[in-house]
Amino acid sequence: MELDTIKIEKEAGIGKIILNRPDKRNAISSEMFMDIGEAARIVSDDDEVKVVILMGAGKVFSAGIDFGSMGALGGASSWTVRDMLKKSQTNYSRLENMEKPVIAAIQGAAIGAGLEMALCCDIRIAAEDARMGIPEVCFGLVPDLGGAQRLPRIIGLGRAKELIFTGRIIDAKEAERIGLVNKIVPADKLMEATMEMANEIKDNGLIAIGLAKKIANKAMEIDMESVLEYSILAQDICIRTEDMGTLFTRYMEKKSKKK
């Protein structure tokens, strides 16, 4: 399936959302902001998709905002700017909120809005030569797509402030050191490593993963008592699913074979 700026591919339970403006280094246009939400909706609603991979076509994940396509916003009213940003934020959040694990495969660069998109994913795997950062303050803006909230949750408040305040672009090795990415691999092994991770996840309980994802996300927002209560409710749902017994039996069989 293909939207104007994004391709969607599906293979053996793994869905791929592919940013498809390689000639623009996958810079994010106003159209792509809308397409990312639609792409997230499509893979989220597809029962055959168990795990989602977010990636860029060509050599770059995303160079950030396509300022050429955003030029009209310079003289726009506050209401117009706010409306556009609210819609973009909502579409980004669809990646974060879908009850399926989303893995970002970061090649080349993930800058500004590109990195903010990757931050919506559950797991980030980067090529060794990738670079990333949030340089908005360097041209007098703030991260407005959730980066100022998601980045501190992932790497801690102090490190997040440092990256946001300086606008510094860091390499993949530094990104792994501070926990911004889960792992780095040689550039020619990026998709292999990402598919390996996706395949490791996809045979586990889909309902359980979706609920566990919600619990983990909520844990960053609310008090411990509420998270624990939410966990009880989620576990009650999991216990009653058809695949729970099957998965438990399979797990115990694997465990006994290792002895």
C-alpha atoms as a PDB file:
ATOM      1  CA  MET A   1       0.000   0.000   0.000  1.00  0.00           C
ATOM      2  CA  GLU A   2       1.298   3.485  -0.802  1.00  0.00           C
ATOM      3  CA  LEU A   3       0.297   6.911   0.432  1.00  0.00           C
ATOM      4  CA  ASP A   4       1.679  10.014  -1.261  1.00  0.00           C
ATOM      5  CA  THR A   5       4.725  10.261   1.022  1.00  0.00           C
ATOM      6  CA  ILE A   6       4.794   6.883   2.773  1.00  0.00           C
ATOM      7  CA  LYS A   7       4.876   3.259   1.672  1.00  0.00           C
ATOM      8  CA  ILE A   8       3.406   0.436   3.725  1.00  0.00           C
ATOM      9  CA  GLU A   9       4.731  -3.087   3.298  1.00  0.00           C
ATOM     10  CA  LYS A  10       3.746  -6.280   5.081  1.00  0.00           C
ATOM     11  CA  GLU A  11       5.579  -9.563   5.343  1.00  0.00           C
ATOM     12  CA  ALA A  12       5.120 -12.527   7.696  1.00  0.00           C
ATOM     13  CA  GLY A  13       3.417 -10.555  10.445  1.00  0.00           C
ATOM     14  CA  ILE A  14       5.755  -7.571  10.243  1.00  0.00           C
ATOM     15  CA  GLY A  15       4.489  -4.254   8.893  1.00  0.00           C
ATOM     16  CA  LYS A  16       6.844  -1.601   7.548  1.00  0.00           C
ATOM     17  CA  ILE A  17       6.045   2.114   7.501  1.00  0.00           C
ATOM     18  CA  ILE A  18       8.566   3.606   5.068  1.00  0.00           C
ATOM     19  CA  LEU A  19       9.055   7.361   4.830  1.00  0.00           C
ATOM     20  CA  ASN A  20       9.224   7.751   1.067  1.00  0.00           C
ATOM     21  CA  ARG A  21      10.829  11.045   0.067  1.00  0.00           C
ATOM     22  CA  PRO A  22      14.411   9.832  -0.458  1.00  0.00           C
ATOM     23  CA  ASP A  23      15.205  12.674  -2.861  1.00  0.00           C
ATOM     24  CA  LYS A  24      14.452  15.078   0.024  1.00  0.00           C
ATOM     25  CA  ARG A  25      16.292  12.951   2.614  1.00  0.00           C
ATOM     26  CA  ASN A  26      12.806  12.093   3.898  1.00  0.00           C
ATOM     27  CA  ALA A  27      12.303  15.640   5.118  1.00  0.00           C
ATOM     28  CA  ILE A  28       8.822  15.890   6.613  1.00  0.00           C
ATOM     29  CA  SER A  29       6.336  17.923   4.623  1.00  0.00           C
ATOM     30  CA  SER A  30       2.874  18.962   5.789  1.00  0.00           C
ATOM     31  CA  GLU A  31       1.540  16.062   3.712  1.00  0.00           C
ATOM     32  CA  MET A  32       3.839  13.545   5.402  1.00  0.00           C
ATOM     33  CA  PHE A  33       2.667  14.764   8.815  1.00  0.00           C
ATOM     34  CA  MET A  34      -0.822  13.661   7.820  1.00  0.00           C
ATOM     35  CA  ASP A  35       0.294  10.462   6.076  1.00  0.00           C
ATOM     36  CA  ILE A  36       2.196   9.190   9.133  1.00  0.00           C
ATOM     37  CA  GLY A  37      -1.018   9.195  11.134  1.00  0.00           C
ATOM     38  CA  GLU A  38      -2.909   7.358   8.402  1.00  0.00           C
ATOM     39  CA  ALA A  39      -0.090   4.819   8.031  1.00  0.00           C
ATOM     40  CA  ALA A  40      -0.111   4.204  11.787  1.00  0.00           C
ATOM     41  CA  ARG A  41      -3.873   3.694  11.685  1.00  0.00           C
ATOM     42  CA  ILE A  42      -3.624   1.210   8.815  1.00  0.00           C
ATOM     43  CA  VAL A  43      -0.998  -1.046  10.419  1.00  0.00           C
ATOM     44  CA  SER A  44      -2.644  -0.737  13.826  1.00  0.00           C
ATOM     45  CA  ASP A  45      -5.975  -1.977  12.402  1.00  0.00           C
ATOM     46  CA  ASP A  46      -4.386  -4.814  10.400  1.00  0.00           C
ATOM     47  CA  ASP A  47      -4.770  -8.019  12.439  1.00  0.00           C
ATOM     48  CA  GLU A  48      -2.056  -9.726  10.394  1.00  0.00           C
ATOM     49  CA  VAL A  49       0.565  -7.198  11.567  1.00  0.00           C
ATOM     50  CA  LYS A  50       2.143  -8.127  14.903  1.00  0.00           C
ATOM     51  CA  VAL A  51       5.168  -5.808  14.928  1.00  0.00           C
ATOM     52  CA  VAL A  52       5.768  -2.517  13.103  1.00  0.00           C
ATOM     53  CA  ILE A  53       9.045  -1.163  11.723  1.00  0.00           C
ATOM     54  CA  LEU A  54       9.406   2.557  10.997  1.00  0.00           C
ATOM     55  CA  MET A  55      12.169   3.383   8.521  1.00  0.00           C
ATOM     56  CA  GLY A  56      13.197   5.738   5.758  1.00  0.00           C
ATOM     57  CA  ALA A  57      13.649   4.990   2.066  1.00  0.00           C
ATOM     58  CA  GLY A  58      17.156   5.636   0.803  1.00  0.00           C
ATOM     59  CA  LYS A  59      20.144   6.571   2.948  1.00  0.00           C
ATOM     60  CA  VAL A  60      18.495   8.777   5.587  1.00  0.00           C
ATOM     61  CA  PHE A  61      15.788   8.085   8.179  1.00  0.00           C
ATOM     62  CA  SER A  62      14.635  11.718   8.187  1.00  0.00           C
ATOM     63  CA  ALA A  63      16.435  15.045   7.954  1.00  0.00           C
ATOM     64  CA  GLY A  64      13.608  16.768   9.835  1.00  0.00           C
ATOM     65  CA  ILE A  65      11.165  19.423   8.709  1.00  0.00           C
ATOM     66  CA  ASP A  66      10.933  20.278   5.019  1.00  0.00           C
ATOM     67  CA  PHE A  67      11.064  24.028   5.502  1.00  0.00           C
ATOM     68  CA  GLY A  68      10.296  24.564   1.831  1.00  0.00           C
ATOM     69  CA  SER A  69       6.848  23.063   2.273  1.00  0.00           C
ATOM     70  CA  MET A  70       6.291  24.937   5.542  1.00  0.00           C
ATOM     71  CA  GLY A  71       7.141  28.398   4.252  1.00  0.00           C
ATOM     72  CA  ALA A  72       3.526  29.537   4.216  1.00  0.00           C
ATOM     73  CA  LEU A  73       3.331  29.137   7.971  1.00  0.00           C
ATOM     74  CA  GLY A  74       5.678  32.086   8.421  1.00  0.00           C
ATOM     75  CA  GLY A  75       2.843  34.577   7.944  1.00  0.00           C
ATOM     76  CA  ALA A  76       0.059  32.336   9.208  1.00  0.00           C
ATOM     77  CA  SER A  77      -2.201  33.217  12.116  1.00  0.00           C
ATOM     78  CA  SER A  78      -1.597  31.705  15.553  1.00  0.00           C
ATOM     79  CA  TRP A  79      -4.793  29.685  15.109  1.00  0.00           C
ATOM     80  CA  THR A  80      -3.524  28.175  11.829  1.00  0.00           C
ATOM     81  CA  VAL A  81      -0.146  27.272  13.329  1.00  0.00           C
ATOM     82  CA  ARG A  82      -1.772  25.783  16.409  1.00  0.00           C
ATOM     83  CA  ASP A  83      -4.231  23.743  14.350  1.00  0.00           C
ATOM     84  CA  MET A  84      -1.476  22.343  12.149  1.00  0.00           C
ATOM     85  CA  LEU A  85       0.712  21.441  15.131  1.00  0.00           C
ATOM     86  CA  LYS A  86      -2.124  19.808  17.047  1.00  0.00           C
ATOM     87  CA  LYS A  87      -2.921  17.586  14.064  1.00  0.00           C
ATOM     88  CA  SER A  88       0.766  16.703  13.616  1.00  0.00           C
ATOM     89  CA  GLN A  89       1.135  15.874  17.309  1.00  0.00           C
ATOM     90  CA  THR A  90      -1.929  13.635  17.141  1.00  0.00           C
ATOM     91  CA  ASN A  91      -0.547  11.767  14.137  1.00  0.00           C
ATOM     92  CA  TYR A  92       2.836  11.237  15.822  1.00  0.00           C
ATOM     93  CA  SER A  93       1.087   9.978  18.956  1.00  0.00           C
ATOM     94  CA  ARG A  94      -0.654   7.290  16.914  1.00  0.00           C
ATOM     95  CA  LEU A  95       2.734   5.597  16.575  1.00  0.00           C
ATOM     96  CA  GLU A  96       3.266   5.723  20.321  1.00  0.00           C
ATOM     97  CA  ASN A  97      -0.237   4.698  21.326  1.00  0.00           C
ATOM     98  CA  MET A  98      -0.923   1.776  18.994  1.00  0.00           C
ATOM     99  CA  GLU A  99      -1.091  -1.515  20.889  1.00  0.00           C
ATOM    100  CA  LYS A 100       1.696  -3.020  18.797  1.00  0.00           C
ATOM    101  CA  PRO A 101       5.447  -2.697  19.302  1.00  0.00           C
ATOM    102  CA  VAL A 102       7.069  -0.199  16.949  1.00  0.00           C
ATOM    103  CA  ILE A 103      10.781  -0.390  16.111  1.00  0.00           C
ATOM    104  CA  ALA A 104      12.596   2.532  14.479  1.00  0.00           C
ATOM    105  CA  ALA A 105      15.425   1.573  12.113  1.00  0.00           C
ATOM    106  CA  ILE A 106      17.564   4.710  11.959  1.00  0.00           C
ATOM    107  CA  GLN A 107      19.970   5.077   9.069  1.00  0.00           C
ATOM    108  CA  GLY A 108      21.938   8.167   8.047  1.00  0.00           C
ATOM    109  CA  ALA A 109      20.331  10.808  10.237  1.00  0.00           C
ATOM    110  CA  ALA A 110      17.315  11.500  12.413  1.00  0.00           C
ATOM    111  CA  ILE A 111      17.192  15.245  12.973  1.00  0.00           C
ATOM    112  CA  GLY A 112      14.589  17.489  14.596  1.00  0.00           C
ATOM    113  CA  ALA A 113      11.088  16.300  13.719  1.00  0.00           C
ATOM    114  CA  GLY A 114      12.703  13.134  12.349  1.00  0.00           C
ATOM    115  CA  LEU A 115      14.141  12.250  15.748  1.00  0.00           C
ATOM    116  CA  GLU A 116      10.893  13.267  17.444  1.00  0.00           C
ATOM    117  CA  MET A 117       9.160  10.692  15.244  1.00  0.00           C
ATOM    118  CA  ALA A 118      11.675   8.019  16.249  1.00  0.00           C
ATOM    119  CA  LEU A 119      11.081   8.898  19.915  1.00  0.00           C
ATOM    120  CA  CYS A 120       7.455   7.796  19.447  1.00  0.00           C
ATOM    121  CA  CYS A 121       8.712   4.266  18.794  1.00  0.00           C
ATOM    122  CA  ASP A 122       9.207   1.655  21.500  1.00  0.00           C
ATOM    123  CA  ILE A 123      12.661   0.523  20.363  1.00  0.00           C
ATOM    124  CA  ARG A 124      15.316   2.307  18.320  1.00  0.00           C
ATOM    125  CA  ILE A 125      18.078   0.522  16.410  1.00  0.00           C
ATOM    126  CA  ALA A 126      20.631   2.706  14.630  1.00  0.00           C
ATOM    127  CA  ALA A 127      23.327   2.233  12.026  1.00  0.00           C
ATOM    128  CA  GLU A 128      26.811   2.966  13.353  1.00  0.00           C
ATOM    129  CA  ASP A 129      27.164   5.949  11.027  1.00  0.00           C
ATOM    130  CA  ALA A 130      23.806   7.524  11.994  1.00  0.00           C
ATOM    131  CA  ARG A 131      23.605  10.994  13.534  1.00  0.00           C
ATOM    132  CA  MET A 132      20.740  12.459  15.524  1.00  0.00           C
ATOM    133  CA  GLY A 133      19.683  15.506  17.460  1.00  0.00           C
ATOM    134  CA  ILE A 134      17.015  18.110  18.150  1.00  0.00           C
ATOM    135  CA  PRO A 135      18.421  21.457  16.931  1.00  0.00           C
ATOM    136  CA  GLU A 136      15.207  23.523  17.023  1.00  0.00           C
ATOM    137  CA  VAL A 137      16.572  26.113  19.480  1.00  0.00           C
ATOM    138  CA  CYS A 138      19.395  26.852  17.045  1.00  0.00           C
ATOM    139  CA  PHE A 139      16.867  28.594  14.807  1.00  0.00           C
ATOM    140  CA  GLY A 140      14.712  30.006  17.582  1.00  0.00           C
ATOM    141  CA  LEU A 141      12.080  27.306  17.947  1.00  0.00           C
ATOM    142  CA  VAL A 142      11.179  24.651  20.513  1.00  0.00           C
ATOM    143  CA  PRO A 143      10.672  20.906  19.962  1.00  0.00           C
ATOM    144  CA  ASP A 144       6.920  20.907  19.392  1.00  0.00           C
ATOM    145  CA  LEU A 145       6.091  17.303  18.469  1.00  0.00           C
ATOM    146  CA  GLY A 146       6.617  15.697  21.863  1.00  0.00           C
ATOM    147  CA  GLY A 147      10.414  15.662  21.869  1.00  0.00           C
ATOM    148  CA  ALA A 148      10.690  17.873  24.958  1.00  0.00           C
ATOM    149  CA  GLN A 149       8.556  15.355  26.859  1.00  0.00           C
ATOM    150  CA  ARG A 150       9.625  12.013  25.365  1.00  0.00           C
ATOM    151  CA  LEU A 151      13.375  12.663  25.315  1.00  0.00           C
ATOM    152  CA  PRO A 152      13.664  13.203  29.122  1.00  0.00           C
ATOM    153  CA  ARG A 153      11.689  10.012  29.711  1.00  0.00           C
ATOM    154  CA  ILE A 154      14.123   8.044  27.571  1.00  0.00           C
ATOM    155  CA  ILE A 155      17.529   9.491  28.504  1.00  0.00           C
ATOM    156  CA  GLY A 156      16.822  11.433  31.713  1.00  0.00           C
ATOM    157  CA  LEU A 157      16.094  15.089  32.344  1.00  0.00           C
ATOM    158  CA  GLY A 158      19.658  16.407  32.569  1.00  0.00           C
ATOM    159  CA  ARG A 159      20.902  14.805  29.350  1.00  0.00           C
ATOM    160  CA  ALA A 160      17.705  15.760  27.520  1.00  0.00           C
ATOM    161  CA  LYS A 161      18.072  19.409  28.530  1.00  0.00           C
ATOM    162  CA  GLU A 162      21.673  19.383  27.349  1.00  0.00           C
ATOM    163  CA  LEU A 163      20.732  18.085  23.893  1.00  0.00           C
ATOM    164  CA  ILE A 164      17.744  20.412  23.586  1.00  0.00           C
ATOM    165  CA  PHE A 165      19.517  23.550  24.874  1.00  0.00           C
ATOM    166  CA  THR A 166      22.652  23.066  22.747  1.00  0.00           C
ATOM    167  CA  GLY A 167      20.958  21.658  19.651  1.00  0.00           C
ATOM    168  CA  ARG A 168      23.959  19.340  19.418  1.00  0.00           C
ATOM    169  CA  ILE A 169      23.964  16.558  16.835  1.00  0.00           C
ATOM    170  CA  ILE A 170      25.425  13.354  18.267  1.00  0.00           C
ATOM    171  CA  ASP A 171      26.721  10.179  16.658  1.00  0.00           C
ATOM    172  CA  ALA A 172      25.251   6.713  17.100  1.00  0.00           C
ATOM    173  CA  LYS A 173      27.868   5.632  19.624  1.00  0.00           C
ATOM    174  CA  GLU A 174      26.964   8.528  21.932  1.00  0.00           C
ATOM    175  CA  ALA A 175      23.254   7.890  21.359  1.00  0.00           C
ATOM    176  CA  GLU A 176      23.684   4.299  22.507  1.00  0.00           C
ATOM    177  CA  ARG A 177      25.768   5.354  25.524  1.00  0.00           C
ATOM    178  CA  ILE A 178      23.044   7.677  26.839  1.00  0.00           C
ATOM    179  CA  GLY A 179      20.210   5.257  26.043  1.00  0.00           C
ATOM    180  CA  LEU A 180      18.713   7.181  23.133  1.00  0.00           C
ATOM    181  CA  VAL A 181      18.979   4.057  20.972  1.00  0.00           C
ATOM    182  CA  ASN A 182      18.782   0.464  22.138  1.00  0.00           C
ATOM    183  CA  LYS A 183      21.622  -0.785  19.977  1.00  0.00           C
ATOM    184  CA  ILE A 184      23.854   0.159  17.073  1.00  0.00           C
ATOM    185  CA  VAL A 185      24.910  -2.103  14.223  1.00  0.00           C
ATOM    186  CA  PRO A 186      26.952  -1.755  11.012  1.00  0.00           C
ATOM    187  CA  ALA A 187      24.979   0.158   8.378  1.00  0.00           C
ATOM    188  CA  ASP A 188      24.723  -2.864   6.092  1.00  0.00           C
ATOM    189  CA  LYS A 189      23.278  -4.940   8.947  1.00  0.00           C
ATOM    190  CA  LEU A 190      20.596  -2.457  10.055  1.00  0.00           C
ATOM    191  CA  MET A 191      17.578  -4.129   8.464  1.00  0.00           C
ATOM    192  CA  GLU A 192      18.847  -7.590   9.375  1.00  0.00           C
ATOM    193  CA  ALA A 193      19.147  -6.580  13.033  1.00  0.00           C
ATOM    194  CA  THR A 194      15.771  -4.829  12.994  1.00  0.00           C
ATOM    195  CA  MET A 195      14.014  -7.819  11.433  1.00  0.00           C
ATOM    196  CA  GLU A 196      15.715 -10.105  13.937  1.00  0.00           C
ATOM    197  CA  MET A 197      14.318  -8.003  16.790  1.00  0.00           C
ATOM    198  CA  ALA A 198      10.854  -7.907  15.183  1.00  0.00           C
ATOM    199  CA  ASN A 199      10.812 -11.679  14.722  1.00  0.00           C
ATOM    200  CA  GLU A 200      11.895 -12.192  18.337  1.00  0.00           C
ATOM    201  CA  ILE A 201       8.881 -10.160  19.457  1.00  0.00           C
ATOM    202  CA  LYS A 202       6.142 -11.191  17.035  1.00  0.00           C
ATOM    203  CA  ASP A 203       5.468 -14.718  18.320  1.00  0.00           C
ATOM    204  CA  ASN A 204       4.719 -13.504  21.837  1.00  0.00           C
ATOM    205  CA  GLY A 205       1.216 -12.677  23.061  1.00  0.00           C
ATOM    206  CA  LEU A 206      -0.068  -9.700  21.074  1.00  0.00           C
ATOM    207  CA  ILE A 207      -2.673  -8.705  23.661  1.00  0.00           C
ATOM    208  CA  ALA A 208      -0.142  -9.023  26.471  1.00  0.00           C
ATOM    209  CA  ILE A 209       2.413  -6.908  24.591  1.00  0.00           C
ATOM    210  CA  GLY A 210      -0.168  -4.233  23.849  1.00  0.00           C
ATOM    211  CA  LEU A 211      -1.239  -4.026  27.477  1.00  0.00           C
ATOM    212  CA  ALA A 212       2.355  -4.141  28.740  1.00  0.00           C
ATOM    213  CA  LYS A 213       3.146  -1.244  26.398  1.00  0.00           C
ATOM    214  CA  LYS A 214       0.275   0.751  27.844  1.00  0.00           C
ATOM    215  CA  ILE A 215       1.424   0.024  31.389  1.00  0.00           C
ATOM    216  CA  ALA A 216       5.002   1.073  30.604  1.00  0.00           C
ATOM    217  CA  ASN A 217       3.816   4.299  28.972  1.00  0.00           C
ATOM    218  CA  LYS A 218       1.457   5.067  31.861  1.00  0.00           C
ATOM    219  CA  ALA A 219       4.240   4.387  34.358  1.00  0.00           C
ATOM    220  CA  MET A 220       5.968   7.527  33.080  1.00  0.00           C
ATOM    221  CA  GLU A 221       2.858   9.647  33.639  1.00  0.00           C
ATOM    222  CA  ILE A 222       1.048   8.615  36.795  1.00  0.00           C
ATOM    223  CA  ASP A 223       1.722   7.489  40.375  1.00  0.00           C
ATOM    224  CA  MET A 224       2.848   3.979  41.299  1.00  0.00           C
ATOM    225  CA  GLU A 225      -0.426   3.007  42.979  1.00  0.00           C
ATOM    226  CA  SER A 226      -2.395   3.789  39.817  1.00  0.00           C
ATOM    227  CA  VAL A 227       0.097   1.875  37.647  1.00  0.00           C
ATOM    228  CA  LEU A 228      -0.139  -1.159  39.917  1.00  0.00           C
ATOM    229  CA  GLU A 229      -3.940  -1.094  39.752  1.00  0.00           C
ATOM    230  CA  TYR A 230      -3.777  -0.724  35.963  1.00  0.00           C
ATOM    231  CA  SER A 231      -1.455  -3.758  35.879  1.00  0.00           C
ATOM    232  CA  ILE A 232      -3.989  -5.854  37.814  1.00  0.00           C
ATOM    233  CA  LEU A 233      -6.750  -5.000  35.367  1.00  0.00           C
ATOM    234  CA  ALA A 234      -4.484  -5.739  32.388  1.00  0.00           C
ATOM    235  CA  GLN A 235      -3.364  -9.057  33.871  1.00  0.00           C
ATOM    236  CA  ASP A 236      -6.971 -10.108  34.402  1.00  0.00           C
ATOM    237  CA  ILE A 237      -7.541  -9.557  30.674  1.00  0.00           C
ATOM    238  CA  CYS A 238      -4.392 -11.502  29.721  1.00  0.00           C
ATOM    239  CA  ILE A 239      -5.280 -14.498  31.895  1.00  0.00           C
ATOM    240  CA  ARG A 240      -8.573 -14.856  30.035  1.00  0.00           C
ATOM    241  CA  THR A 241      -7.106 -14.762  26.509  1.00  0.00           C
ATOM    242  CA  GLU A 242      -7.057 -17.928  24.426  1.00  0.00           C
ATOM    243  CA  ASP A 243      -3.354 -17.759  23.603  1.00  0.00           C
ATOM    244  CA  MET A 244      -2.166 -17.419  27.220  1.00  0.00           C
ATOM    245  CA  GLY A 245      -2.252 -21.185  27.860  1.00  0.00           C
ATOM    246  CA  THR A 246      -0.641 -21.969  24.507  1.00  0.00           C
ATOM    247  CA  LEU A 247       2.162 -19.466  25.022  1.00  0.00           C
ATOM    248  CA  PHE A 248       2.810 -20.640  28.582  1.00  0.00           C
ATOM    249  CA  THR A 249       3.044 -24.265  27.456  1.00  0.00           C
ATOM    250  CA  ARG A 250       5.410 -23.333  24.634  1.00  0.00           C
ATOM    251  CA  TYR A 251       7.602 -21.338  27.010  1.00  0.00           C
ATOM    252  CA  MET A 252       7.854 -24.215  29.489  1.00  0.00           C
ATOM    253  CA  GLU A 253       8.669 -26.669  26.693  1.00  0.00           C
ATOM    254  CA  LYS A 254      11.504 -24.432  25.471  1.00  0.00           C
ATOM    255  CA  LYS A 255      12.773 -24.084  29.023  1.00  0.00           C
ATOM    256  CA  SER A 256      12.799 -27.863  29.618  1.00  0.00           C
ATOM    257  CA  LYS A 257      14.724 -28.459  26.381  1.00  0.00           C
ATOM    258  CA  LYS A 258      17.511 -26.129  27.553  1.00  0.00           C
ATOM    259  CA  LYS A 259      18.136 -28.207  30.687  1.00  0.00           C
END
